[in-house]
Amino acid sequence: MKRRQLIKNLGLGGVALVATPTLLSLLQSCKADGPVFEPVFINNSQGKALRHIVDLIIPSDEAIPGAVDVGAHKFIDMYWNEVIPLEDQTHIKAGFDALANRLQDATGKTFDDAEAEDYDKLLAKYLNASKEQEEVFNKSLGEYYQAYQRDKTVKVDPDAGAFSLLQNVRGMTIWGWKQSEEIGENVLAYEPIPGQQIGCLPVEEATGGKAYSL
């Protein structure tokens, strides 16, 4: 619950996406599904991994729906398929290859047989990395992107690739969860037509500590 409460209080949602009508329409089309997720961009095995990761980033509880409940994993898959450029799609797939490599090394499992606790270990390693370790990952990523421009067959370092993918998924999960209709209207502070401007009003007094959904 602490993780979700922190996210509810974030104003920007942790990712640089603009809530355009196209993106919001894409998000609202991604309703929650059953236990079977059929992705359109990544393959089914990668889809299982994505669903586990999204569920771990914002899990559900008895009071508030989690990211999977509002279809954030489906939104991410469709966004990758319909919005990002071809070269970025290639890097996303390279990130999944890197994540599969790190998962295999850490647990001896594949995307098809890994469980939530296996991914939780990877999230702890890469999303809680020290600033120094992040600098190492980012330096490696920069070198990969430069090399890729010269040679399209070059491979990303598995640690840097897994780090980059998980950072991407975390940011999009938070954004998708916060922008969903269910969370935006029923969990966050929802005021589609703001009233009067009141400056310097403490957020606790204005919205009970919640970020605005719009």
N, C-alpha and C. Protein backbone atom coordinates (compact mmCIF):
# COMPACT_ATOMS: atom_id res chain seq x y z
N MET A 1 0.83 -1.20 0.00
CA MET A 1 0.00 0.00 0.00
C MET A 1 0.87 1.26 0.00
N LYS A 2 2.03 1.24 0.63
CA LYS A 2 2.89 2.41 0.67
C LYS A 2 3.31 2.80 -0.74
N ARG A 3 3.65 1.80 -1.58
CA ARG A 3 4.08 2.08 -2.94
C ARG A 3 2.98 2.78 -3.72
N ARG A 4 1.74 2.30 -3.61
CA ARG A 4 0.64 2.91 -4.33
C ARG A 4 0.35 4.31 -3.81
N GLN A 5 0.43 4.50 -2.50
CA GLN A 5 0.14 5.82 -1.93
C GLN A 5 1.14 6.85 -2.43
N LEU A 6 2.41 6.46 -2.54
CA LEU A 6 3.41 7.37 -3.08
C LEU A 6 3.09 7.74 -4.51
N ILE A 7 2.68 6.77 -5.30
CA ILE A 7 2.35 7.02 -6.70
C ILE A 7 1.13 7.93 -6.81
N LYS A 8 0.14 7.75 -5.94
CA LYS A 8 -1.05 8.59 -5.97
C LYS A 8 -0.68 10.05 -5.72
N ASN A 9 0.39 10.29 -4.97
CA ASN A 9 0.77 11.65 -4.63
C ASN A 9 1.71 12.28 -5.65
N LEU A 10 2.15 11.52 -6.65
CA LEU A 10 3.03 12.05 -7.67
C LEU A 10 2.22 12.89 -8.65
N GLY A 11 2.72 14.07 -8.98
CA GLY A 11 2.00 14.91 -9.90
C GLY A 11 2.15 14.53 -11.36
N LEU A 12 3.32 14.03 -11.77
CA LEU A 12 3.59 13.80 -13.18
C LEU A 12 3.52 12.35 -13.59
N GLY A 13 3.51 11.44 -12.67
CA GLY A 13 3.35 10.04 -13.04
C GLY A 13 4.63 9.35 -13.45
N GLY A 14 5.77 10.04 -13.44
CA GLY A 14 7.04 9.37 -13.61
C GLY A 14 7.42 9.03 -15.04
N VAL A 15 6.77 9.63 -16.06
CA VAL A 15 7.18 9.36 -17.43
C VAL A 15 6.79 10.54 -18.30
N ALA A 16 7.60 10.81 -19.31
CA ALA A 16 7.39 11.99 -20.16
C ALA A 16 6.44 11.67 -21.31
N LEU A 17 5.18 11.43 -21.00
CA LEU A 17 4.15 11.24 -22.01
C LEU A 17 3.13 12.37 -21.88
N VAL A 18 2.69 12.88 -23.00
CA VAL A 18 1.67 13.92 -23.00
C VAL A 18 0.31 13.28 -23.21
N ALA A 19 -0.65 13.67 -22.38
CA ALA A 19 -1.99 13.06 -22.44
C ALA A 19 -2.77 13.61 -23.62
N THR A 20 -2.38 13.22 -24.82
CA THR A 20 -3.09 13.64 -26.02
C THR A 20 -4.38 12.84 -26.18
N PRO A 21 -5.34 13.34 -26.96
CA PRO A 21 -6.57 12.56 -27.19
C PRO A 21 -6.29 11.18 -27.77
N THR A 22 -5.29 11.08 -28.64
CA THR A 22 -4.96 9.79 -29.23
C THR A 22 -4.48 8.80 -28.18
N LEU A 23 -3.58 9.25 -27.30
CA LEU A 23 -3.07 8.37 -26.26
C LEU A 23 -4.16 7.99 -25.27
N LEU A 24 -4.99 8.94 -24.91
CA LEU A 24 -6.05 8.65 -23.96
C LEU A 24 -7.07 7.69 -24.57
N SER A 25 -7.34 7.86 -25.85
CA SER A 25 -8.25 6.92 -26.53
C SER A 25 -7.66 5.52 -26.55
N LEU A 26 -6.36 5.44 -26.80
CA LEU A 26 -5.67 4.15 -26.80
C LEU A 26 -5.74 3.51 -25.43
N LEU A 27 -5.51 4.31 -24.40
CA LEU A 27 -5.54 3.80 -23.03
C LEU A 27 -6.93 3.32 -22.65
N GLN A 28 -7.96 4.09 -22.99
CA GLN A 28 -9.32 3.72 -22.59
C GLN A 28 -9.82 2.48 -23.33
N SER A 29 -9.19 2.14 -24.44
CA SER A 29 -9.57 0.92 -25.15
C SER A 29 -9.00 -0.33 -24.51
N CYS A 30 -8.09 -0.13 -23.56
CA CYS A 30 -7.38 -1.27 -22.95
C CYS A 30 -8.03 -1.64 -21.62
N LYS A 31 -9.16 -2.24 -21.68
CA LYS A 31 -9.83 -2.68 -20.47
C LYS A 31 -9.12 -3.92 -19.90
N ALA A 32 -9.37 -4.16 -18.64
CA ALA A 32 -8.75 -5.32 -18.00
C ALA A 32 -9.19 -6.60 -18.69
N ASP A 33 -8.26 -7.57 -18.74
CA ASP A 33 -8.60 -8.85 -19.34
C ASP A 33 -8.54 -9.94 -18.27
N GLY A 34 -8.78 -11.17 -18.67
CA GLY A 34 -8.70 -12.29 -17.75
C GLY A 34 -7.25 -12.70 -17.55
N PRO A 35 -7.03 -13.91 -17.11
CA PRO A 35 -5.67 -14.37 -16.85
C PRO A 35 -4.82 -14.51 -18.10
N VAL A 36 -5.45 -14.55 -19.29
CA VAL A 36 -4.72 -14.70 -20.54
C VAL A 36 -4.57 -13.33 -21.22
N PHE A 37 -3.34 -12.93 -21.48
CA PHE A 37 -3.03 -11.67 -22.15
C PHE A 37 -2.46 -12.00 -23.52
N GLU A 38 -3.10 -11.50 -24.57
CA GLU A 38 -2.66 -11.75 -25.93
C GLU A 38 -2.10 -10.46 -26.52
N PRO A 39 -0.79 -10.25 -26.43
CA PRO A 39 -0.19 -9.00 -26.90
C PRO A 39 -0.20 -8.90 -28.42
N VAL A 40 -0.05 -7.66 -28.90
CA VAL A 40 -0.03 -7.43 -30.35
C VAL A 40 1.36 -7.07 -30.85
N PHE A 41 2.23 -6.59 -29.98
CA PHE A 41 3.59 -6.21 -30.39
C PHE A 41 4.63 -7.24 -29.95
N ILE A 42 4.67 -7.50 -28.66
CA ILE A 42 5.60 -8.50 -28.15
C ILE A 42 4.97 -9.88 -28.27
N ASN A 43 5.79 -10.94 -28.12
CA ASN A 43 5.23 -12.29 -28.23
C ASN A 43 4.58 -12.70 -26.91
N ASN A 44 3.93 -13.85 -26.92
CA ASN A 44 3.16 -14.28 -25.74
C ASN A 44 4.03 -14.48 -24.51
N SER A 45 5.23 -15.01 -24.70
CA SER A 45 6.13 -15.22 -23.56
C SER A 45 6.54 -13.88 -22.95
N GLN A 46 6.87 -12.92 -23.80
CA GLN A 46 7.22 -11.58 -23.32
C GLN A 46 6.00 -10.92 -22.68
N GLY A 47 4.81 -11.22 -23.21
CA GLY A 47 3.58 -10.69 -22.63
C GLY A 47 3.37 -11.17 -21.20
N LYS A 48 3.72 -12.42 -20.94
CA LYS A 48 3.62 -12.93 -19.57
C LYS A 48 4.56 -12.16 -18.65
N ALA A 49 5.76 -11.88 -19.15
CA ALA A 49 6.73 -11.13 -18.34
C ALA A 49 6.21 -9.71 -18.08
N LEU A 50 5.71 -9.06 -19.13
CA LEU A 50 5.22 -7.70 -18.98
C LEU A 50 4.07 -7.64 -17.97
N ARG A 51 3.15 -8.58 -18.04
CA ARG A 51 2.00 -8.58 -17.13
C ARG A 51 2.46 -8.75 -15.68
N HIS A 52 3.42 -9.66 -15.45
CA HIS A 52 3.95 -9.84 -14.10
C HIS A 52 4.59 -8.54 -13.59
N ILE A 53 5.39 -7.91 -14.44
CA ILE A 53 6.13 -6.71 -14.04
C ILE A 53 5.18 -5.57 -13.72
N VAL A 54 4.21 -5.35 -14.60
CA VAL A 54 3.23 -4.28 -14.38
C VAL A 54 2.45 -4.51 -13.09
N ASP A 55 2.09 -5.75 -12.82
CA ASP A 55 1.35 -6.09 -11.60
C ASP A 55 2.19 -5.86 -10.36
N LEU A 56 3.50 -6.08 -10.45
CA LEU A 56 4.38 -5.85 -9.31
C LEU A 56 4.61 -4.37 -9.05
N ILE A 57 4.64 -3.57 -10.12
CA ILE A 57 4.89 -2.15 -9.96
C ILE A 57 3.73 -1.47 -9.24
N ILE A 58 2.50 -1.77 -9.65
CA ILE A 58 1.32 -1.24 -8.94
C ILE A 58 0.34 -2.40 -8.73
N PRO A 59 0.48 -3.13 -7.64
CA PRO A 59 -0.42 -4.25 -7.38
C PRO A 59 -1.79 -3.75 -6.92
N SER A 60 -2.77 -4.63 -6.99
CA SER A 60 -4.11 -4.28 -6.52
C SER A 60 -4.25 -4.63 -5.05
N ASP A 61 -5.26 -4.08 -4.43
CA ASP A 61 -5.64 -4.50 -3.09
C ASP A 61 -7.16 -4.46 -2.99
N GLU A 62 -7.67 -4.62 -1.79
CA GLU A 62 -9.12 -4.71 -1.64
C GLU A 62 -9.82 -3.38 -1.90
N ALA A 63 -9.07 -2.29 -1.92
CA ALA A 63 -9.69 -0.98 -2.06
C ALA A 63 -9.46 -0.32 -3.42
N ILE A 64 -8.28 -0.53 -3.99
CA ILE A 64 -7.90 0.21 -5.21
C ILE A 64 -7.41 -0.75 -6.27
N PRO A 65 -7.88 -0.63 -7.51
CA PRO A 65 -7.41 -1.49 -8.59
C PRO A 65 -5.93 -1.25 -8.88
N GLY A 66 -5.22 -2.31 -9.26
CA GLY A 66 -3.83 -2.18 -9.64
C GLY A 66 -3.69 -1.88 -11.13
N ALA A 67 -2.45 -1.84 -11.60
CA ALA A 67 -2.20 -1.48 -12.99
C ALA A 67 -2.75 -2.52 -13.97
N VAL A 68 -2.65 -3.79 -13.64
CA VAL A 68 -3.20 -4.83 -14.52
C VAL A 68 -4.72 -4.73 -14.56
N ASP A 69 -5.33 -4.38 -13.44
CA ASP A 69 -6.80 -4.27 -13.38
C ASP A 69 -7.34 -3.22 -14.35
N VAL A 70 -6.55 -2.16 -14.60
CA VAL A 70 -7.02 -1.10 -15.51
C VAL A 70 -6.44 -1.27 -16.92
N GLY A 71 -5.73 -2.39 -17.17
CA GLY A 71 -5.24 -2.69 -18.50
C GLY A 71 -3.97 -1.96 -18.90
N ALA A 72 -3.14 -1.56 -17.93
CA ALA A 72 -1.92 -0.82 -18.25
C ALA A 72 -0.96 -1.64 -19.10
N HIS A 73 -0.90 -2.95 -18.87
CA HIS A 73 0.00 -3.80 -19.66
C HIS A 73 -0.43 -3.84 -21.12
N LYS A 74 -1.75 -3.86 -21.36
CA LYS A 74 -2.26 -3.85 -22.73
C LYS A 74 -1.97 -2.51 -23.40
N PHE A 75 -2.09 -1.42 -22.64
CA PHE A 75 -1.79 -0.10 -23.17
C PHE A 75 -0.32 -0.01 -23.60
N ILE A 76 0.58 -0.50 -22.75
CA ILE A 76 2.01 -0.43 -23.06
C ILE A 76 2.30 -1.19 -24.34
N ASP A 77 1.77 -2.40 -24.46
CA ASP A 77 1.98 -3.21 -25.65
C ASP A 77 1.44 -2.52 -26.90
N MET A 78 0.25 -1.94 -26.82
CA MET A 78 -0.34 -1.25 -27.96
C MET A 78 0.42 0.03 -28.29
N TYR A 79 0.90 0.73 -27.27
CA TYR A 79 1.68 1.94 -27.49
C TYR A 79 2.96 1.60 -28.25
N TRP A 80 3.65 0.57 -27.81
CA TRP A 80 4.85 0.15 -28.53
C TRP A 80 4.53 -0.22 -29.97
N ASN A 81 3.39 -0.84 -30.20
CA ASN A 81 3.02 -1.31 -31.53
C ASN A 81 2.57 -0.19 -32.46
N GLU A 82 1.87 0.80 -31.91
CA GLU A 82 1.20 1.78 -32.76
C GLU A 82 1.82 3.18 -32.74
N VAL A 83 2.66 3.48 -31.76
CA VAL A 83 3.11 4.86 -31.59
C VAL A 83 4.61 5.05 -31.82
N ILE A 84 5.43 4.21 -31.22
CA ILE A 84 6.86 4.48 -31.26
C ILE A 84 7.47 4.13 -32.62
N PRO A 85 8.57 4.79 -33.01
CA PRO A 85 9.22 4.53 -34.30
C PRO A 85 9.79 3.11 -34.37
N LEU A 86 10.05 2.67 -35.59
CA LEU A 86 10.55 1.32 -35.83
C LEU A 86 11.86 1.07 -35.09
N GLU A 87 12.75 2.04 -35.08
CA GLU A 87 14.04 1.83 -34.40
C GLU A 87 13.84 1.64 -32.90
N ASP A 88 12.92 2.41 -32.32
CA ASP A 88 12.64 2.24 -30.89
C ASP A 88 12.00 0.88 -30.61
N GLN A 89 11.19 0.41 -31.55
CA GLN A 89 10.62 -0.93 -31.40
C GLN A 89 11.73 -1.98 -31.34
N THR A 90 12.75 -1.80 -32.16
CA THR A 90 13.90 -2.71 -32.15
C THR A 90 14.59 -2.70 -30.80
N HIS A 91 14.72 -1.52 -30.20
CA HIS A 91 15.39 -1.42 -28.90
C HIS A 91 14.54 -2.06 -27.79
N ILE A 92 13.21 -1.93 -27.89
CA ILE A 92 12.34 -2.58 -26.92
C ILE A 92 12.53 -4.09 -26.97
N LYS A 93 12.55 -4.64 -28.16
CA LYS A 93 12.72 -6.09 -28.30
C LYS A 93 14.11 -6.53 -27.82
N ALA A 94 15.11 -5.68 -28.06
CA ALA A 94 16.45 -5.98 -27.54
C ALA A 94 16.43 -5.97 -26.01
N GLY A 95 15.62 -5.07 -25.43
CA GLY A 95 15.50 -5.02 -23.98
C GLY A 95 14.88 -6.30 -23.42
N PHE A 96 13.90 -6.85 -24.12
CA PHE A 96 13.30 -8.11 -23.67
C PHE A 96 14.31 -9.26 -23.78
N ASP A 97 15.11 -9.25 -24.83
CA ASP A 97 16.16 -10.27 -24.94
C ASP A 97 17.13 -10.17 -23.77
N ALA A 98 17.49 -8.94 -23.42
CA ALA A 98 18.41 -8.72 -22.30
C ALA A 98 17.77 -9.16 -20.99
N LEU A 99 16.49 -8.84 -20.81
CA LEU A 99 15.81 -9.23 -19.58
C LEU A 99 15.71 -10.75 -19.47
N ALA A 100 15.44 -11.41 -20.59
CA ALA A 100 15.38 -12.88 -20.59
C ALA A 100 16.73 -13.47 -20.19
N ASN A 101 17.80 -12.84 -20.67
CA ASN A 101 19.15 -13.29 -20.33
C ASN A 101 19.40 -13.16 -18.83
N ARG A 102 19.04 -12.02 -18.25
CA ARG A 102 19.27 -11.79 -16.82
C ARG A 102 18.37 -12.68 -15.96
N LEU A 103 17.16 -12.92 -16.44
CA LEU A 103 16.25 -13.81 -15.72
C LEU A 103 16.80 -15.23 -15.69
N GLN A 104 17.29 -15.69 -16.82
CA GLN A 104 17.86 -17.03 -16.91
C GLN A 104 19.06 -17.17 -15.99
N ASP A 105 19.92 -16.16 -15.99
CA ASP A 105 21.12 -16.22 -15.13
C ASP A 105 20.76 -16.19 -13.65
N ALA A 106 19.73 -15.40 -13.30
CA ALA A 106 19.39 -15.23 -11.90
C ALA A 106 18.56 -16.38 -11.33
N THR A 107 17.71 -17.00 -12.18
CA THR A 107 16.76 -17.98 -11.67
C THR A 107 16.79 -19.32 -12.40
N GLY A 108 17.42 -19.35 -13.57
CA GLY A 108 17.39 -20.56 -14.38
C GLY A 108 16.05 -20.76 -15.09
N LYS A 109 15.22 -19.74 -15.11
CA LYS A 109 13.88 -19.84 -15.69
C LYS A 109 13.74 -18.98 -16.95
N THR A 110 12.70 -19.27 -17.72
CA THR A 110 12.36 -18.48 -18.89
C THR A 110 11.12 -17.64 -18.58
N PHE A 111 10.74 -16.79 -19.53
CA PHE A 111 9.53 -16.00 -19.36
C PHE A 111 8.30 -16.89 -19.15
N ASP A 112 8.31 -18.07 -19.74
CA ASP A 112 7.13 -18.94 -19.68
C ASP A 112 6.93 -19.58 -18.31
N ASP A 113 8.03 -19.81 -17.57
CA ASP A 113 7.84 -20.50 -16.29
C ASP A 113 8.22 -19.65 -15.07
N ALA A 114 8.64 -18.41 -15.27
CA ALA A 114 9.00 -17.55 -14.15
C ALA A 114 7.74 -17.09 -13.42
N GLU A 115 7.88 -16.86 -12.11
CA GLU A 115 6.77 -16.39 -11.28
C GLU A 115 7.03 -14.96 -10.82
N ALA A 116 6.05 -14.39 -10.16
CA ALA A 116 6.14 -12.99 -9.74
C ALA A 116 7.37 -12.73 -8.89
N GLU A 117 7.69 -13.67 -7.98
CA GLU A 117 8.84 -13.45 -7.10
C GLU A 117 10.16 -13.40 -7.88
N ASP A 118 10.22 -14.09 -9.01
CA ASP A 118 11.44 -14.04 -9.83
C ASP A 118 11.63 -12.65 -10.43
N TYR A 119 10.55 -12.05 -10.89
CA TYR A 119 10.64 -10.71 -11.46
C TYR A 119 10.86 -9.66 -10.37
N ASP A 120 10.33 -9.92 -9.19
CA ASP A 120 10.51 -8.97 -8.10
C ASP A 120 11.99 -8.79 -7.77
N LYS A 121 12.75 -9.85 -7.88
CA LYS A 121 14.20 -9.76 -7.64
C LYS A 121 14.87 -8.88 -8.69
N LEU A 122 14.43 -9.01 -9.94
CA LEU A 122 15.01 -8.19 -11.01
C LEU A 122 14.61 -6.72 -10.83
N LEU A 123 13.37 -6.48 -10.43
CA LEU A 123 12.95 -5.11 -10.18
C LEU A 123 13.78 -4.48 -9.06
N ALA A 124 14.02 -5.25 -8.03
CA ALA A 124 14.81 -4.75 -6.91
C ALA A 124 16.23 -4.41 -7.36
N LYS A 125 16.78 -5.23 -8.24
CA LYS A 125 18.15 -5.01 -8.71
C LYS A 125 18.26 -3.79 -9.60
N TYR A 126 17.36 -3.65 -10.55
CA TYR A 126 17.50 -2.59 -11.55
C TYR A 126 16.78 -1.30 -11.22
N LEU A 127 15.62 -1.38 -10.60
CA LEU A 127 14.88 -0.16 -10.29
C LEU A 127 15.32 0.46 -8.98
N ASN A 128 16.04 -0.27 -8.16
CA ASN A 128 16.61 0.28 -6.92
C ASN A 128 18.13 0.41 -7.01
N ALA A 129 18.64 0.47 -8.23
CA ALA A 129 20.08 0.58 -8.42
C ALA A 129 20.59 1.91 -7.85
N SER A 130 21.82 1.90 -7.38
CA SER A 130 22.44 3.12 -6.87
C SER A 130 22.66 4.11 -8.01
N LYS A 131 22.87 5.38 -7.66
CA LYS A 131 23.13 6.38 -8.68
C LYS A 131 24.38 6.04 -9.47
N GLU A 132 25.38 5.50 -8.78
CA GLU A 132 26.61 5.11 -9.46
C GLU A 132 26.36 3.99 -10.46
N GLN A 133 25.52 3.01 -10.07
CA GLN A 133 25.23 1.90 -10.97
C GLN A 133 24.38 2.38 -12.14
N GLU A 134 23.47 3.30 -11.90
CA GLU A 134 22.67 3.85 -12.99
C GLU A 134 23.56 4.55 -14.01
N GLU A 135 24.58 5.24 -13.53
CA GLU A 135 25.51 5.91 -14.44
C GLU A 135 26.24 4.90 -15.30
N VAL A 136 26.58 3.75 -14.72
CA VAL A 136 27.25 2.70 -15.49
C VAL A 136 26.30 2.17 -16.57
N PHE A 137 25.07 1.90 -16.18
CA PHE A 137 24.07 1.41 -17.14
C PHE A 137 23.87 2.42 -18.28
N ASN A 138 23.71 3.69 -17.91
CA ASN A 138 23.43 4.71 -18.92
C ASN A 138 24.63 4.92 -19.85
N LYS A 139 25.83 4.81 -19.32
CA LYS A 139 27.02 4.92 -20.16
C LYS A 139 27.05 3.78 -21.17
N SER A 140 26.74 2.58 -20.69
CA SER A 140 26.71 1.42 -21.57
C SER A 140 25.63 1.57 -22.64
N LEU A 141 24.47 2.11 -22.26
CA LEU A 141 23.39 2.32 -23.22
C LEU A 141 23.79 3.34 -24.28
N GLY A 142 24.45 4.41 -23.85
CA GLY A 142 24.91 5.41 -24.80
C GLY A 142 25.87 4.82 -25.82
N GLU A 143 26.77 3.98 -25.35
CA GLU A 143 27.72 3.34 -26.25
C GLU A 143 27.01 2.39 -27.21
N TYR A 144 25.98 1.71 -26.70
CA TYR A 144 25.21 0.80 -27.55
C TYR A 144 24.48 1.56 -28.66
N TYR A 145 23.81 2.66 -28.30
CA TYR A 145 23.06 3.42 -29.30
C TYR A 145 23.99 3.99 -30.37
N GLN A 146 25.18 4.44 -29.98
CA GLN A 146 26.13 4.95 -30.96
C GLN A 146 26.61 3.82 -31.88
N ALA A 147 26.91 2.68 -31.29
CA ALA A 147 27.38 1.54 -32.09
C ALA A 147 26.28 1.03 -33.01
N TYR A 148 25.03 1.11 -32.54
CA TYR A 148 23.91 0.62 -33.34
C TYR A 148 23.74 1.42 -34.63
N GLN A 149 24.05 2.71 -34.58
CA GLN A 149 23.95 3.53 -35.78
C GLN A 149 24.92 3.08 -36.86
N ARG A 150 26.03 2.47 -36.44
CA ARG A 150 27.03 1.98 -37.40
C ARG A 150 26.80 0.53 -37.78
N ASP A 151 26.24 -0.24 -36.84
CA ASP A 151 26.10 -1.68 -37.05
C ASP A 151 24.80 -2.15 -36.39
N LYS A 152 23.80 -2.45 -37.20
CA LYS A 152 22.48 -2.82 -36.68
C LYS A 152 22.47 -4.20 -36.01
N THR A 153 23.56 -4.93 -36.11
CA THR A 153 23.59 -6.26 -35.49
C THR A 153 24.20 -6.23 -34.09
N VAL A 154 24.66 -5.07 -33.63
CA VAL A 154 25.30 -4.99 -32.32
C VAL A 154 24.28 -5.30 -31.23
N LYS A 155 24.74 -5.92 -30.15
CA LYS A 155 23.87 -6.31 -29.03
C LYS A 155 24.09 -5.41 -27.83
N VAL A 156 23.03 -5.08 -27.15
CA VAL A 156 23.12 -4.28 -25.93
C VAL A 156 23.64 -5.14 -24.79
N ASP A 157 24.39 -4.53 -23.86
CA ASP A 157 24.81 -5.23 -22.65
C ASP A 157 23.56 -5.68 -21.89
N PRO A 158 23.48 -6.94 -21.47
CA PRO A 158 22.25 -7.45 -20.84
C PRO A 158 21.80 -6.65 -19.62
N ASP A 159 22.74 -6.23 -18.77
CA ASP A 159 22.34 -5.45 -17.60
C ASP A 159 21.79 -4.09 -18.00
N ALA A 160 22.46 -3.43 -18.93
CA ALA A 160 21.98 -2.12 -19.38
C ALA A 160 20.65 -2.25 -20.10
N GLY A 161 20.49 -3.29 -20.91
CA GLY A 161 19.24 -3.49 -21.64
C GLY A 161 18.08 -3.78 -20.72
N ALA A 162 18.30 -4.63 -19.70
CA ALA A 162 17.24 -4.94 -18.74
C ALA A 162 16.87 -3.69 -17.94
N PHE A 163 17.88 -2.93 -17.54
CA PHE A 163 17.65 -1.69 -16.80
C PHE A 163 16.79 -0.72 -17.62
N SER A 164 17.16 -0.52 -18.89
CA SER A 164 16.44 0.41 -19.75
C SER A 164 14.99 -0.02 -19.94
N LEU A 165 14.77 -1.30 -20.21
CA LEU A 165 13.41 -1.80 -20.42
C LEU A 165 12.55 -1.62 -19.17
N LEU A 166 13.09 -1.98 -18.01
CA LEU A 166 12.31 -1.89 -16.78
C LEU A 166 12.01 -0.44 -16.41
N GLN A 167 12.96 0.47 -16.68
CA GLN A 167 12.70 1.89 -16.46
C GLN A 167 11.54 2.35 -17.36
N ASN A 168 11.57 1.93 -18.60
CA ASN A 168 10.51 2.27 -19.56
C ASN A 168 9.17 1.75 -19.08
N VAL A 169 9.12 0.48 -18.69
CA VAL A 169 7.87 -0.13 -18.26
C VAL A 169 7.35 0.53 -16.99
N ARG A 170 8.24 0.82 -16.04
CA ARG A 170 7.79 1.47 -14.80
C ARG A 170 7.13 2.82 -15.09
N GLY A 171 7.79 3.65 -15.89
CA GLY A 171 7.24 4.96 -16.19
C GLY A 171 5.90 4.87 -16.89
N MET A 172 5.78 3.97 -17.87
CA MET A 172 4.53 3.84 -18.62
C MET A 172 3.43 3.20 -17.77
N THR A 173 3.80 2.32 -16.87
CA THR A 173 2.82 1.72 -15.97
C THR A 173 2.19 2.78 -15.08
N ILE A 174 3.02 3.61 -14.49
CA ILE A 174 2.52 4.66 -13.60
C ILE A 174 1.64 5.63 -14.39
N TRP A 175 2.11 6.03 -15.57
CA TRP A 175 1.34 6.96 -16.40
C TRP A 175 -0.02 6.36 -16.78
N GLY A 176 0.03 5.11 -17.28
CA GLY A 176 -1.20 4.46 -17.70
C GLY A 176 -2.18 4.26 -16.57
N TRP A 177 -1.67 3.88 -15.40
CA TRP A 177 -2.54 3.67 -14.24
C TRP A 177 -3.21 4.98 -13.82
N LYS A 178 -2.41 6.06 -13.74
CA LYS A 178 -2.96 7.33 -13.29
C LYS A 178 -3.93 7.94 -14.30
N GLN A 179 -3.68 7.70 -15.59
CA GLN A 179 -4.53 8.31 -16.61
C GLN A 179 -5.77 7.47 -16.94
N SER A 180 -5.86 6.28 -16.39
CA SER A 180 -7.03 5.44 -16.68
C SER A 180 -8.29 6.06 -16.09
N GLU A 181 -9.41 5.77 -16.70
CA GLU A 181 -10.68 6.34 -16.26
C GLU A 181 -11.01 5.96 -14.82
N GLU A 182 -10.78 4.69 -14.47
CA GLU A 182 -11.11 4.22 -13.13
C GLU A 182 -10.32 4.95 -12.07
N ILE A 183 -9.02 5.09 -12.27
CA ILE A 183 -8.16 5.74 -11.27
C ILE A 183 -8.35 7.25 -11.31
N GLY A 184 -8.42 7.80 -12.52
CA GLY A 184 -8.54 9.25 -12.65
C GLY A 184 -9.81 9.80 -12.02
N GLU A 185 -10.91 9.08 -12.14
CA GLU A 185 -12.17 9.60 -11.63
C GLU A 185 -12.51 9.14 -10.22
N ASN A 186 -12.02 7.96 -9.83
CA ASN A 186 -12.46 7.39 -8.55
C ASN A 186 -11.40 7.31 -7.47
N VAL A 187 -10.13 7.53 -7.84
CA VAL A 187 -9.05 7.42 -6.85
C VAL A 187 -8.33 8.75 -6.67
N LEU A 188 -7.95 9.39 -7.78
CA LEU A 188 -7.27 10.67 -7.71
C LEU A 188 -8.29 11.81 -7.56
N ALA A 189 -7.77 13.02 -7.38
CA ALA A 189 -8.64 14.19 -7.30
C ALA A 189 -9.08 14.55 -8.71
N TYR A 190 -10.38 14.44 -8.97
CA TYR A 190 -10.91 14.61 -10.33
C TYR A 190 -11.77 15.87 -10.40
N GLU A 191 -11.33 16.84 -11.21
CA GLU A 191 -12.07 18.09 -11.38
C GLU A 191 -11.90 18.54 -12.83
N PRO A 192 -12.70 17.96 -13.75
CA PRO A 192 -12.53 18.25 -15.17
C PRO A 192 -12.72 19.70 -15.55
N ILE A 193 -13.54 20.44 -14.80
CA ILE A 193 -13.72 21.87 -15.06
C ILE A 193 -13.35 22.60 -13.77
N PRO A 194 -12.08 22.98 -13.61
CA PRO A 194 -11.64 23.59 -12.35
C PRO A 194 -12.45 24.84 -12.02
N GLY A 195 -12.63 25.03 -10.73
CA GLY A 195 -13.34 26.20 -10.26
C GLY A 195 -12.40 27.37 -10.07
N GLN A 196 -12.58 28.11 -8.99
CA GLN A 196 -11.79 29.31 -8.77
C GLN A 196 -10.35 28.98 -8.41
N GLN A 197 -9.44 29.90 -8.78
CA GLN A 197 -8.03 29.78 -8.46
C GLN A 197 -7.80 30.22 -7.03
N ILE A 198 -7.22 29.33 -6.23
CA ILE A 198 -6.86 29.66 -4.85
C ILE A 198 -5.38 29.38 -4.69
N GLY A 199 -4.59 30.41 -4.63
CA GLY A 199 -3.14 30.24 -4.55
C GLY A 199 -2.67 29.83 -3.18
N CYS A 200 -1.52 29.14 -3.16
CA CYS A 200 -0.84 28.76 -1.91
C CYS A 200 -1.72 27.93 -0.98
N LEU A 201 -2.58 27.11 -1.54
CA LEU A 201 -3.43 26.25 -0.71
C LEU A 201 -2.73 24.92 -0.52
N PRO A 202 -2.51 24.47 0.69
CA PRO A 202 -1.83 23.19 0.92
C PRO A 202 -2.56 22.05 0.23
N VAL A 203 -1.81 21.12 -0.36
CA VAL A 203 -2.43 20.03 -1.10
C VAL A 203 -3.29 19.16 -0.20
N GLU A 204 -2.91 19.04 1.07
CA GLU A 204 -3.72 18.24 2.00
C GLU A 204 -5.11 18.85 2.17
N GLU A 205 -5.15 20.18 2.16
CA GLU A 205 -6.44 20.85 2.32
C GLU A 205 -7.23 20.85 1.02
N ALA A 206 -6.52 20.96 -0.11
CA ALA A 206 -7.20 21.06 -1.40
C ALA A 206 -7.78 19.74 -1.87
N THR A 207 -6.98 18.67 -1.75
CA THR A 207 -7.42 17.39 -2.32
C THR A 207 -7.23 16.20 -1.39
N GLY A 208 -6.89 16.47 -0.14
CA GLY A 208 -6.62 15.36 0.78
C GLY A 208 -5.30 14.69 0.49
N GLY A 209 -4.38 15.41 -0.17
CA GLY A 209 -3.06 14.87 -0.46
C GLY A 209 -2.96 14.16 -1.80
N LYS A 210 -4.06 14.10 -2.54
CA LYS A 210 -4.05 13.41 -3.84
C LYS A 210 -3.61 14.35 -4.96
N ALA A 211 -2.92 13.76 -5.96
CA ALA A 211 -2.61 14.51 -7.17
C ALA A 211 -3.87 14.62 -8.02
N TYR A 212 -3.95 15.64 -8.86
CA TYR A 212 -5.06 15.75 -9.80
C TYR A 212 -4.85 14.77 -10.95
N SER A 213 -5.93 14.22 -11.44
CA SER A 213 -5.84 13.31 -12.57
C SER A 213 -5.80 14.06 -13.89
N LEU A 214 -6.22 15.30 -13.91
CA LEU A 214 -6.22 16.10 -15.13
C LEU A 214 -5.43 17.37 -14.88
